[in-house]
Full PDB file with SEQRES, HELIX, SHEET, SSBOND, CRYST1, ORIGX, SCALE, CONECT and MASTER records, all heavy atoms in Angstrom:
SEQRES   1 A   36  THR PRO ARG TYR GLY TYR LYS LEU TRP GLU SER LEU SER          
SEQRES   2 A   36  GLN GLN GLY VAL SER ALA ASP TYR LEU HIS GLU ALA VAL          
SEQRES   3 A   36  LEU GLN GLY ALA SER PHE ALA ASP GLY LEU                      
HELIX    1 AA1 ARG A    3  TYR A    6  5                                   4    
HELIX    2 AA2 LEU A    8  GLN A   14  1                                   7    
HELIX    3 AA3 GLU A   24  GLN A   28  1                                   5    
CRYST1    1.000    1.000    1.000  90.00  90.00  90.00 P 1           1          
ORIGX1      1.000000  0.000000  0.000000        0.00000                         
ORIGX2      0.000000  1.000000  0.000000        0.00000                         
ORIGX3      0.000000  0.000000  1.000000        0.00000                         
SCALE1      1.000000  0.000000  0.000000        0.00000                         
SCALE2      0.000000  1.000000  0.000000        0.00000                         
SCALE3      0.000000  0.000000  1.000000        0.00000                         
ATOM      1  N   THR A   1      -8.565  23.114   7.396  1.00  0.00           N  
ATOM      2  CA  THR A   1      -8.679  23.262   8.903  1.00  0.00           C  
ATOM      3  C   THR A   1      -7.428  22.588   9.514  1.00  0.00           C  
ATOM      4  O   THR A   1      -6.940  21.616   8.971  1.00  0.00           O  
ATOM      5  CB  THR A   1      -9.922  22.667   9.482  1.00  0.00           C  
ATOM      6  OG1 THR A   1      -9.993  21.289   9.094  1.00  0.00           O  
ATOM      7  CG2 THR A   1     -11.174  23.339   8.849  1.00  0.00           C  
ATOM      8  N   PRO A   2      -6.992  23.125  10.683  1.00  0.00           N  
ATOM      9  CA  PRO A   2      -7.508  24.278  11.399  1.00  0.00           C  
ATOM     10  C   PRO A   2      -6.912  25.627  10.699  1.00  0.00           C  
ATOM     11  O   PRO A   2      -5.853  25.504  10.097  1.00  0.00           O  
ATOM     12  CB  PRO A   2      -6.924  24.132  12.783  1.00  0.00           C  
ATOM     13  CG  PRO A   2      -5.643  23.442  12.586  1.00  0.00           C  
ATOM     14  CD  PRO A   2      -5.857  22.508  11.440  1.00  0.00           C  
ATOM     15  N   ARG A   3      -7.650  26.637  10.896  1.00  0.00           N  
ATOM     16  CA  ARG A   3      -7.297  27.941  10.205  1.00  0.00           C  
ATOM     17  C   ARG A   3      -5.890  28.361  10.669  1.00  0.00           C  
ATOM     18  O   ARG A   3      -5.117  28.880   9.886  1.00  0.00           O  
ATOM     19  CB  ARG A   3      -8.345  29.040  10.514  1.00  0.00           C  
ATOM     20  CG  ARG A   3      -8.052  30.351   9.921  1.00  0.00           C  
ATOM     21  CD  ARG A   3      -9.128  31.342  10.168  1.00  0.00           C  
ATOM     22  NE  ARG A   3     -10.421  30.851   9.511  1.00  0.00           N  
ATOM     23  CZ  ARG A   3     -11.563  31.530   9.605  1.00  0.00           C  
ATOM     24  NH1 ARG A   3     -11.562  32.697  10.261  1.00  0.00           N  
ATOM     25  NH2 ARG A   3     -12.634  31.048   9.026  1.00  0.00           N  
ATOM     26  N   TYR A   4      -5.588  28.267  11.952  1.00  0.00           N  
ATOM     27  CA  TYR A   4      -4.295  28.705  12.457  1.00  0.00           C  
ATOM     28  C   TYR A   4      -3.097  27.941  11.881  1.00  0.00           C  
ATOM     29  O   TYR A   4      -2.008  28.500  11.879  1.00  0.00           O  
ATOM     30  CB  TYR A   4      -4.260  28.691  13.989  1.00  0.00           C  
ATOM     31  CG  TYR A   4      -4.180  27.296  14.570  1.00  0.00           C  
ATOM     32  CD1 TYR A   4      -3.005  26.601  14.719  1.00  0.00           C  
ATOM     33  CD2 TYR A   4      -5.345  26.633  14.904  1.00  0.00           C  
ATOM     34  CE1 TYR A   4      -2.947  25.348  15.316  1.00  0.00           C  
ATOM     35  CE2 TYR A   4      -5.289  25.335  15.509  1.00  0.00           C  
ATOM     36  CZ  TYR A   4      -4.180  24.724  15.559  1.00  0.00           C  
ATOM     37  OH  TYR A   4      -4.096  23.463  16.085  1.00  0.00           O  
ATOM     38  N   GLY A   5      -3.405  26.742  11.410  1.00  0.00           N  
ATOM     39  CA  GLY A   5      -2.245  25.921  10.896  1.00  0.00           C  
ATOM     40  C   GLY A   5      -1.523  26.602   9.706  1.00  0.00           C  
ATOM     41  O   GLY A   5      -0.373  26.389   9.599  1.00  0.00           O  
ATOM     42  N   TYR A   6      -2.263  27.316   8.934  1.00  0.00           N  
ATOM     43  CA  TYR A   6      -1.654  27.998   7.743  1.00  0.00           C  
ATOM     44  C   TYR A   6      -0.793  29.250   8.078  1.00  0.00           C  
ATOM     45  O   TYR A   6      -0.111  29.700   7.314  1.00  0.00           O  
ATOM     46  CB  TYR A   6      -2.784  28.330   6.763  1.00  0.00           C  
ATOM     47  CG  TYR A   6      -3.529  27.234   6.264  1.00  0.00           C  
ATOM     48  CD1 TYR A   6      -4.680  26.843   6.810  1.00  0.00           C  
ATOM     49  CD2 TYR A   6      -2.956  26.434   5.153  1.00  0.00           C  
ATOM     50  CE1 TYR A   6      -5.429  25.715   6.278  1.00  0.00           C  
ATOM     51  CE2 TYR A   6      -3.694  25.355   4.704  1.00  0.00           C  
ATOM     52  CZ  TYR A   6      -4.869  24.953   5.199  1.00  0.00           C  
ATOM     53  OH  TYR A   6      -5.545  23.845   4.820  1.00  0.00           O  
ATOM     54  N   LYS A   7      -0.988  29.732   9.374  1.00  0.00           N  
ATOM     55  CA  LYS A   7      -0.210  30.870   9.814  1.00  0.00           C  
ATOM     56  C   LYS A   7       0.837  30.490  10.811  1.00  0.00           C  
ATOM     57  O   LYS A   7       1.687  31.412  11.088  1.00  0.00           O  
ATOM     58  CB  LYS A   7      -1.171  31.884  10.502  1.00  0.00           C  
ATOM     59  CG  LYS A   7      -2.199  32.590   9.553  1.00  0.00           C  
ATOM     60  CD  LYS A   7      -1.434  33.579   8.749  1.00  0.00           C  
ATOM     61  CE  LYS A   7      -2.387  34.413   7.860  1.00  0.00           C  
ATOM     62  NZ  LYS A   7      -1.612  35.486   7.112  1.00  0.00           N  
ATOM     63  N   LEU A   8       0.896  29.278  11.168  1.00  0.00           N  
ATOM     64  CA  LEU A   8       1.789  28.872  12.217  1.00  0.00           C  
ATOM     65  C   LEU A   8       3.320  29.102  11.805  1.00  0.00           C  
ATOM     66  O   LEU A   8       4.141  29.515  12.667  1.00  0.00           O  
ATOM     67  CB  LEU A   8       1.526  27.390  12.667  1.00  0.00           C  
ATOM     68  CG  LEU A   8       2.156  27.007  14.046  1.00  0.00           C  
ATOM     69  CD1 LEU A   8       1.842  27.954  15.220  1.00  0.00           C  
ATOM     70  CD2 LEU A   8       1.786  25.570  14.278  1.00  0.00           C  
ATOM     71  N   TRP A   9       3.650  28.803  10.611  1.00  0.00           N  
ATOM     72  CA  TRP A   9       4.999  28.876  10.145  1.00  0.00           C  
ATOM     73  C   TRP A   9       5.415  30.312  10.260  1.00  0.00           C  
ATOM     74  O   TRP A   9       6.663  30.679  10.567  1.00  0.00           O  
ATOM     75  CB  TRP A   9       5.217  28.456   8.714  1.00  0.00           C  
ATOM     76  CG  TRP A   9       4.664  29.375   7.685  1.00  0.00           C  
ATOM     77  CD1 TRP A   9       3.483  29.417   7.097  1.00  0.00           C  
ATOM     78  CD2 TRP A   9       5.434  30.437   7.062  1.00  0.00           C  
ATOM     79  NE1 TRP A   9       3.312  30.460   6.208  1.00  0.00           N  
ATOM     80  CE2 TRP A   9       4.573  31.120   6.122  1.00  0.00           C  
ATOM     81  CE3 TRP A   9       6.722  30.924   7.244  1.00  0.00           C  
ATOM     82  CZ2 TRP A   9       4.974  32.210   5.400  1.00  0.00           C  
ATOM     83  CZ3 TRP A   9       7.133  32.014   6.463  1.00  0.00           C  
ATOM     84  CH2 TRP A   9       6.291  32.585   5.592  1.00  0.00           C  
ATOM     85  N   GLU A  10       4.535  31.275  10.016  1.00  0.00           N  
ATOM     86  CA  GLU A  10       4.925  32.724  10.069  1.00  0.00           C  
ATOM     87  C   GLU A  10       5.259  33.102  11.483  1.00  0.00           C  
ATOM     88  O   GLU A  10       6.368  33.660  11.713  1.00  0.00           O  
ATOM     89  CB  GLU A  10       3.793  33.578   9.655  1.00  0.00           C  
ATOM     90  CG  GLU A  10       3.338  33.326   8.220  1.00  0.00           C  
ATOM     91  CD  GLU A  10       2.288  34.337   7.738  1.00  0.00           C  
ATOM     92  OE1 GLU A  10       1.754  35.035   8.576  1.00  0.00           O  
ATOM     93  OE2 GLU A  10       1.921  34.355   6.543  1.00  0.00           O  
ATOM     94  N   SER A  11       4.583  32.724  12.503  1.00  0.00           N  
ATOM     95  CA  SER A  11       4.808  33.106  13.887  1.00  0.00           C  
ATOM     96  C   SER A  11       6.093  32.405  14.355  1.00  0.00           C  
ATOM     97  O   SER A  11       6.842  32.870  15.186  1.00  0.00           O  
ATOM     98  CB  SER A  11       3.727  32.922  14.821  1.00  0.00           C  
ATOM     99  OG  SER A  11       3.240  31.599  14.784  1.00  0.00           O  
ATOM    100  N   LEU A  12       6.298  31.130  13.917  1.00  0.00           N  
ATOM    101  CA  LEU A  12       7.594  30.454  14.263  1.00  0.00           C  
ATOM    102  C   LEU A  12       8.722  31.132  13.671  1.00  0.00           C  
ATOM    103  O   LEU A  12       9.734  31.349  14.303  1.00  0.00           O  
ATOM    104  CB  LEU A  12       7.428  29.036  13.778  1.00  0.00           C  
ATOM    105  CG  LEU A  12       6.534  28.034  14.566  1.00  0.00           C  
ATOM    106  CD1 LEU A  12       6.385  26.743  13.785  1.00  0.00           C  
ATOM    107  CD2 LEU A  12       7.077  27.770  15.913  1.00  0.00           C  
ATOM    108  N   SER A  13       8.608  31.583  12.432  1.00  0.00           N  
ATOM    109  CA  SER A  13       9.699  32.400  11.792  1.00  0.00           C  
ATOM    110  C   SER A  13       9.974  33.626  12.577  1.00  0.00           C  
ATOM    111  O   SER A  13      11.168  33.953  12.686  1.00  0.00           O  
ATOM    112  CB  SER A  13       9.405  32.600  10.321  1.00  0.00           C  
ATOM    113  OG  SER A  13      10.407  33.453   9.804  1.00  0.00           O  
ATOM    114  N   GLN A  14       8.947  34.318  12.954  1.00  0.00           N  
ATOM    115  CA  GLN A  14       9.148  35.593  13.656  1.00  0.00           C  
ATOM    116  C   GLN A  14       9.721  35.331  15.061  1.00  0.00           C  
ATOM    117  O   GLN A  14      10.302  36.229  15.606  1.00  0.00           O  
ATOM    118  CB  GLN A  14       7.751  36.235  13.789  1.00  0.00           C  
ATOM    119  CG  GLN A  14       7.307  36.754  12.434  1.00  0.00           C  
ATOM    120  CD  GLN A  14       5.731  36.804  12.331  1.00  0.00           C  
ATOM    121  OE1 GLN A  14       5.084  36.653  13.347  1.00  0.00           O  
ATOM    122  NE2 GLN A  14       5.270  37.089  11.066  1.00  0.00           N  
ATOM    123  N   GLN A  15       9.573  34.170  15.627  1.00  0.00           N  
ATOM    124  CA  GLN A  15      10.087  33.805  16.847  1.00  0.00           C  
ATOM    125  C   GLN A  15      11.557  33.248  16.726  1.00  0.00           C  
ATOM    126  O   GLN A  15      12.160  32.886  17.700  1.00  0.00           O  
ATOM    127  CB  GLN A  15       9.264  32.801  17.661  1.00  0.00           C  
ATOM    128  CG  GLN A  15       7.968  33.383  18.179  1.00  0.00           C  
ATOM    129  CD  GLN A  15       8.185  34.146  19.415  1.00  0.00           C  
ATOM    130  OE1 GLN A  15       9.308  34.304  19.927  1.00  0.00           O  
ATOM    131  NE2 GLN A  15       7.140  34.701  19.961  1.00  0.00           N  
ATOM    132  N   GLY A  16      12.095  33.178  15.563  1.00  0.00           N  
ATOM    133  CA  GLY A  16      13.480  32.732  15.333  1.00  0.00           C  
ATOM    134  C   GLY A  16      13.672  31.233  15.157  1.00  0.00           C  
ATOM    135  O   GLY A  16      14.696  30.733  15.295  1.00  0.00           O  
ATOM    136  N   VAL A  17      12.553  30.560  14.683  1.00  0.00           N  
ATOM    137  CA  VAL A  17      12.616  29.177  14.504  1.00  0.00           C  
ATOM    138  C   VAL A  17      12.212  28.890  13.009  1.00  0.00           C  
ATOM    139  O   VAL A  17      11.191  29.426  12.552  1.00  0.00           O  
ATOM    140  CB  VAL A  17      11.756  28.391  15.447  1.00  0.00           C  
ATOM    141  CG1 VAL A  17      11.663  26.884  15.112  1.00  0.00           C  
ATOM    142  CG2 VAL A  17      12.268  28.513  16.866  1.00  0.00           C  
ATOM    143  N   SER A  18      12.887  28.021  12.291  1.00  0.00           N  
ATOM    144  CA  SER A  18      12.498  27.670  10.963  1.00  0.00           C  
ATOM    145  C   SER A  18      11.569  26.390  10.992  1.00  0.00           C  
ATOM    146  O   SER A  18      11.761  25.481  11.880  1.00  0.00           O  
ATOM    147  CB  SER A  18      13.692  27.406  10.103  1.00  0.00           C  
ATOM    148  OG  SER A  18      14.375  28.555   9.926  1.00  0.00           O  
ATOM    149  N   ALA A  19      10.578  26.239  10.122  1.00  0.00           N  
ATOM    150  CA  ALA A  19       9.650  25.113  10.170  1.00  0.00           C  
ATOM    151  C   ALA A  19       9.294  24.754   8.720  1.00  0.00           C  
ATOM    152  O   ALA A  19       9.352  25.556   7.794  1.00  0.00           O  
ATOM    153  CB  ALA A  19       8.428  25.605  10.959  1.00  0.00           C  
ATOM    154  N   ASP A  20       8.890  23.500   8.613  1.00  0.00           N  
ATOM    155  CA  ASP A  20       8.304  22.892   7.396  1.00  0.00           C  
ATOM    156  C   ASP A  20       6.990  22.224   7.734  1.00  0.00           C  
ATOM    157  O   ASP A  20       6.766  21.812   8.809  1.00  0.00           O  
ATOM    158  CB  ASP A  20       9.238  21.965   6.732  1.00  0.00           C  
ATOM    159  CG  ASP A  20      10.486  22.597   6.151  1.00  0.00           C  
ATOM    160  OD1 ASP A  20      10.316  23.644   5.544  1.00  0.00           O  
ATOM    161  OD2 ASP A  20      11.573  22.051   6.297  1.00  0.00           O  
ATOM    162  N   TYR A  21       6.084  22.108   6.739  1.00  0.00           N  
ATOM    163  CA  TYR A  21       4.986  21.279   6.888  1.00  0.00           C  
ATOM    164  C   TYR A  21       5.341  19.828   6.286  1.00  0.00           C  
ATOM    165  O   TYR A  21       5.876  19.806   5.179  1.00  0.00           O  
ATOM    166  CB  TYR A  21       3.759  21.866   6.130  1.00  0.00           C  
ATOM    167  CG  TYR A  21       3.251  23.124   6.656  1.00  0.00           C  
ATOM    168  CD1 TYR A  21       3.722  24.360   6.150  1.00  0.00           C  
ATOM    169  CD2 TYR A  21       2.329  23.116   7.639  1.00  0.00           C  
ATOM    170  CE1 TYR A  21       3.272  25.558   6.729  1.00  0.00           C  
ATOM    171  CE2 TYR A  21       1.813  24.272   8.173  1.00  0.00           C  
ATOM    172  CZ  TYR A  21       2.308  25.590   7.731  1.00  0.00           C  
ATOM    173  OH  TYR A  21       1.890  26.648   8.224  1.00  0.00           O  
ATOM    174  N   LEU A  22       5.088  18.807   7.086  1.00  0.00           N  
ATOM    175  CA  LEU A  22       5.456  17.429   6.799  1.00  0.00           C  
ATOM    176  C   LEU A  22       4.238  16.617   6.339  1.00  0.00           C  
ATOM    177  O   LEU A  22       3.188  16.559   7.052  1.00  0.00           O  
ATOM    178  CB  LEU A  22       6.187  16.794   7.892  1.00  0.00           C  
ATOM    179  CG  LEU A  22       7.412  17.525   8.376  1.00  0.00           C  
ATOM    180  CD1 LEU A  22       8.110  16.663   9.513  1.00  0.00           C  
ATOM    181  CD2 LEU A  22       8.405  17.769   7.254  1.00  0.00           C  
ATOM    182  N   HIS A  23       4.316  15.932   5.205  1.00  0.00           N  
ATOM    183  CA  HIS A  23       3.341  14.989   4.720  1.00  0.00           C  
ATOM    184  C   HIS A  23       3.511  13.709   5.501  1.00  0.00           C  
ATOM    185  O   HIS A  23       4.619  13.400   6.053  1.00  0.00           O  
ATOM    186  CB  HIS A  23       3.552  14.775   3.276  1.00  0.00           C  
ATOM    187  CG  HIS A  23       2.405  13.958   2.628  1.00  0.00           C  
ATOM    188  ND1 HIS A  23       2.449  12.596   2.613  1.00  0.00           N  
ATOM    189  CD2 HIS A  23       1.369  14.371   1.991  1.00  0.00           C  
ATOM    190  CE1 HIS A  23       1.321  12.216   1.974  1.00  0.00           C  
ATOM    191  NE2 HIS A  23       0.630  13.257   1.543  1.00  0.00           N  
ATOM    192  N   GLU A  24       2.423  12.899   5.609  1.00  0.00           N  
ATOM    193  CA  GLU A  24       2.511  11.602   6.294  1.00  0.00           C  
ATOM    194  C   GLU A  24       3.597  10.716   5.680  1.00  0.00           C  
ATOM    195  O   GLU A  24       4.258   9.937   6.465  1.00  0.00           O  
ATOM    196  CB  GLU A  24       1.130  10.960   6.320  1.00  0.00           C  
ATOM    197  CG  GLU A  24       0.097  11.583   7.219  1.00  0.00           C  
ATOM    198  CD  GLU A  24      -1.088  10.704   7.443  1.00  0.00           C  
ATOM    199  OE1 GLU A  24      -0.989   9.611   8.042  1.00  0.00           O  
ATOM    200  OE2 GLU A  24      -2.131  11.066   6.983  1.00  0.00           O  
ATOM    201  N   ALA A  25       3.723  10.756   4.408  1.00  0.00           N  
ATOM    202  CA  ALA A  25       4.801   9.958   3.833  1.00  0.00           C  
ATOM    203  C   ALA A  25       6.151  10.276   4.264  1.00  0.00           C  
ATOM    204  O   ALA A  25       7.053   9.483   4.372  1.00  0.00           O  
ATOM    205  CB  ALA A  25       4.728  10.081   2.232  1.00  0.00           C  
ATOM    206  N   VAL A  26       6.398  11.556   4.636  1.00  0.00           N  
ATOM    207  CA  VAL A  26       7.755  11.963   5.176  1.00  0.00           C  
ATOM    208  C   VAL A  26       7.918  11.314   6.566  1.00  0.00           C  
ATOM    209  O   VAL A  26       8.989  10.739   6.843  1.00  0.00           O  
ATOM    210  CB  VAL A  26       7.783  13.452   5.306  1.00  0.00           C  
ATOM    211  CG1 VAL A  26       9.046  13.903   6.069  1.00  0.00           C  
ATOM    212  CG2 VAL A  26       7.818  14.065   3.904  1.00  0.00           C  
ATOM    213  N   LEU A  27       6.907  11.336   7.393  1.00  0.00           N  
ATOM    214  CA  LEU A  27       6.939  10.748   8.702  1.00  0.00           C  
ATOM    215  C   LEU A  27       7.206   9.197   8.602  1.00  0.00           C  
ATOM    216  O   LEU A  27       8.042   8.675   9.354  1.00  0.00           O  
ATOM    217  CB  LEU A  27       5.722  11.071   9.484  1.00  0.00           C  
ATOM    218  CG  LEU A  27       5.441  12.503   9.946  1.00  0.00           C  
ATOM    219  CD1 LEU A  27       4.212  12.605  10.584  1.00  0.00           C  
ATOM    220  CD2 LEU A  27       6.621  13.002  10.831  1.00  0.00           C  
ATOM    221  N   GLN A  28       6.496   8.642   7.667  1.00  0.00           N  
ATOM    222  CA  GLN A  28       6.581   7.177   7.464  1.00  0.00           C  
ATOM    223  C   GLN A  28       8.011   6.744   6.998  1.00  0.00           C  
ATOM    224  O   GLN A  28       8.509   5.694   7.270  1.00  0.00           O  
ATOM    225  CB  GLN A  28       5.537   6.572   6.621  1.00  0.00           C  
ATOM    226  CG  GLN A  28       4.121   6.717   7.180  1.00  0.00           C  
ATOM    227  CD  GLN A  28       3.055   6.291   6.232  1.00  0.00           C  
ATOM    228  OE1 GLN A  28       3.327   5.488   5.281  1.00  0.00           O  
ATOM    229  NE2 GLN A  28       1.810   6.706   6.420  1.00  0.00           N  
ATOM    230  N   GLY A  29       8.640   7.620   6.245  1.00  0.00           N  
ATOM    231  CA  GLY A  29       9.913   7.311   5.598  1.00  0.00           C  
ATOM    232  C   GLY A  29      11.122   7.906   6.397  1.00  0.00           C  
ATOM    233  O   GLY A  29      12.216   7.631   5.986  1.00  0.00           O  
ATOM    234  N   ALA A  30      10.771   8.507   7.545  1.00  0.00           N  
ATOM    235  CA  ALA A  30      11.865   9.165   8.310  1.00  0.00           C  
ATOM    236  C   ALA A  30      12.592   8.205   9.179  1.00  0.00           C  
ATOM    237  O   ALA A  30      12.026   7.129   9.430  1.00  0.00           O  
ATOM    238  CB  ALA A  30      11.333  10.345   9.146  1.00  0.00           C  
ATOM    239  N   SER A  31      13.818   8.598   9.653  1.00  0.00           N  
ATOM    240  CA  SER A  31      14.416   7.871  10.752  1.00  0.00           C  
ATOM    241  C   SER A  31      14.524   8.708  11.970  1.00  0.00           C  
ATOM    242  O   SER A  31      14.409   9.941  11.877  1.00  0.00           O  
ATOM    243  CB  SER A  31      15.918   7.441  10.335  1.00  0.00           C  
ATOM    244  OG  SER A  31      16.646   8.645  10.050  1.00  0.00           O  
ATOM    245  N   PHE A  32      14.676   8.068  13.120  1.00  0.00           N  
ATOM    246  CA  PHE A  32      14.606   8.781  14.411  1.00  0.00           C  
ATOM    247  C   PHE A  32      15.841   8.304  15.274  1.00  0.00           C  
ATOM    248  O   PHE A  32      16.025   7.202  15.516  1.00  0.00           O  
ATOM    249  CB  PHE A  32      13.320   8.464  15.149  1.00  0.00           C  
ATOM    250  CG  PHE A  32      12.134   8.491  14.152  1.00  0.00           C  
ATOM    251  CD1 PHE A  32      11.482   7.359  13.790  1.00  0.00           C  
ATOM    252  CD2 PHE A  32      11.704   9.765  13.677  1.00  0.00           C  
ATOM    253  CE1 PHE A  32      10.449   7.404  12.967  1.00  0.00           C  
ATOM    254  CE2 PHE A  32      10.523   9.822  12.849  1.00  0.00           C  
ATOM    255  CZ  PHE A  32       9.905   8.659  12.517  1.00  0.00           C  
ATOM    256  N   ALA A  33      16.586   9.274  15.721  1.00  0.00           N  
ATOM    257  CA  ALA A  33      17.698   9.069  16.653  1.00  0.00           C  
ATOM    258  C   ALA A  33      18.158  10.348  17.315  1.00  0.00           C  
ATOM    259  O   ALA A  33      17.981  11.404  16.746  1.00  0.00           O  
ATOM    260  CB  ALA A  33      18.869   8.458  15.858  1.00  0.00           C  
ATOM    261  N   ASP A  34      18.493  10.207  18.589  1.00  0.00           N  
ATOM    262  CA  ASP A  34      19.040  11.361  19.339  1.00  0.00           C  
ATOM    263  C   ASP A  34      18.017  12.532  19.436  1.00  0.00           C  
ATOM    264  O   ASP A  34      18.455  13.662  19.429  1.00  0.00           O  
ATOM    265  CB  ASP A  34      20.386  11.888  18.733  1.00  0.00           C  
ATOM    266  CG  ASP A  34      21.392  10.753  18.664  1.00  0.00           C  
ATOM    267  OD1 ASP A  34      21.521   9.895  19.587  1.00  0.00           O  
ATOM    268  OD2 ASP A  34      22.135  10.752  17.640  1.00  0.00           O  
ATOM    269  N   GLY A  35      16.752  12.164  19.561  1.00  0.00           N  
ATOM    270  CA  GLY A  35      15.775  13.217  19.554  1.00  0.00           C  
ATOM    271  C   GLY A  35      15.396  13.936  18.359  1.00  0.00           C  
ATOM    272  O   GLY A  35      14.650  14.915  18.329  1.00  0.00           O  
ATOM    273  N   LEU A  36      15.999  13.509  17.231  1.00  0.00           N  
ATOM    274  CA  LEU A  36      15.711  14.161  15.894  1.00  0.00           C  
ATOM    275  C   LEU A  36      14.900  13.284  14.906  1.00  0.00           C  
ATOM    276  O   LEU A  36      14.987  12.050  14.956  1.00  0.00           O  
ATOM    277  CB  LEU A  36      17.090  14.523  15.241  1.00  0.00           C  
ATOM    278  CG  LEU A  36      18.051  15.485  15.899  1.00  0.00           C  
ATOM    279  CD1 LEU A  36      19.289  15.632  15.198  1.00  0.00           C  
ATOM    280  CD2 LEU A  36      17.325  16.851  16.099  1.00  0.00           C  
TER     281      LEU A  36                                                      
MASTER        0    0    0    3    0    0    0    6  280    1    0    3          
END                                                                             
Protein backbone atom coordinates (compact mmCIF):
# COMPACT_ATOMS: atom_id res chain seq x y z
CA THR A 1 0.00 0.00 0.00
CA PRO A 2 -0.85 2.50 -1.30
CA ARG A 3 -1.91 0.88 -4.55
CA TYR A 4 -1.23 4.01 -6.64
CA GLY A 5 2.36 4.10 -5.42
CA TYR A 6 3.36 1.24 -7.70
CA LYS A 7 1.99 3.08 -10.75
CA LEU A 8 3.27 6.55 -9.94
CA TRP A 9 6.61 6.15 -11.75
CA GLU A 10 4.72 5.32 -14.94
CA SER A 11 2.64 8.50 -15.01
CA LEU A 12 5.70 10.57 -14.05
CA SER A 13 7.59 9.05 -16.98
CA GLN A 14 4.67 9.74 -19.31
CA GLN A 15 4.70 13.36 -18.10
CA GLY A 16 8.38 13.72 -19.04
CA VAL A 17 9.94 13.28 -15.60
CA SER A 18 12.22 10.47 -14.46
CA ALA A 19 11.79 9.02 -10.97
CA ASP A 20 13.20 6.43 -8.58
CA TYR A 21 11.86 4.78 -5.44
CA LEU A 22 14.10 5.64 -2.48
CA HIS A 23 14.75 3.47 0.57
CA GLU A 24 14.99 5.12 3.99
CA ALA A 25 18.71 4.29 4.07
CA VAL A 26 19.17 6.43 0.95
CA LEU A 27 17.50 9.41 2.60
CA GLN A 28 19.55 8.95 5.77
CA GLY A 29 22.79 8.75 3.78
CA ALA A 30 22.05 11.57 1.37
CA SER A 31 23.39 15.12 1.36
CA PHE A 32 21.27 18.21 0.75
CA ALA A 33 22.22 21.48 -0.90
CA ASP A 34 20.79 23.97 -3.39
CA GLY A 35 17.37 22.34 -3.25
CA LEU A 36 18.70 18.93 -4.31
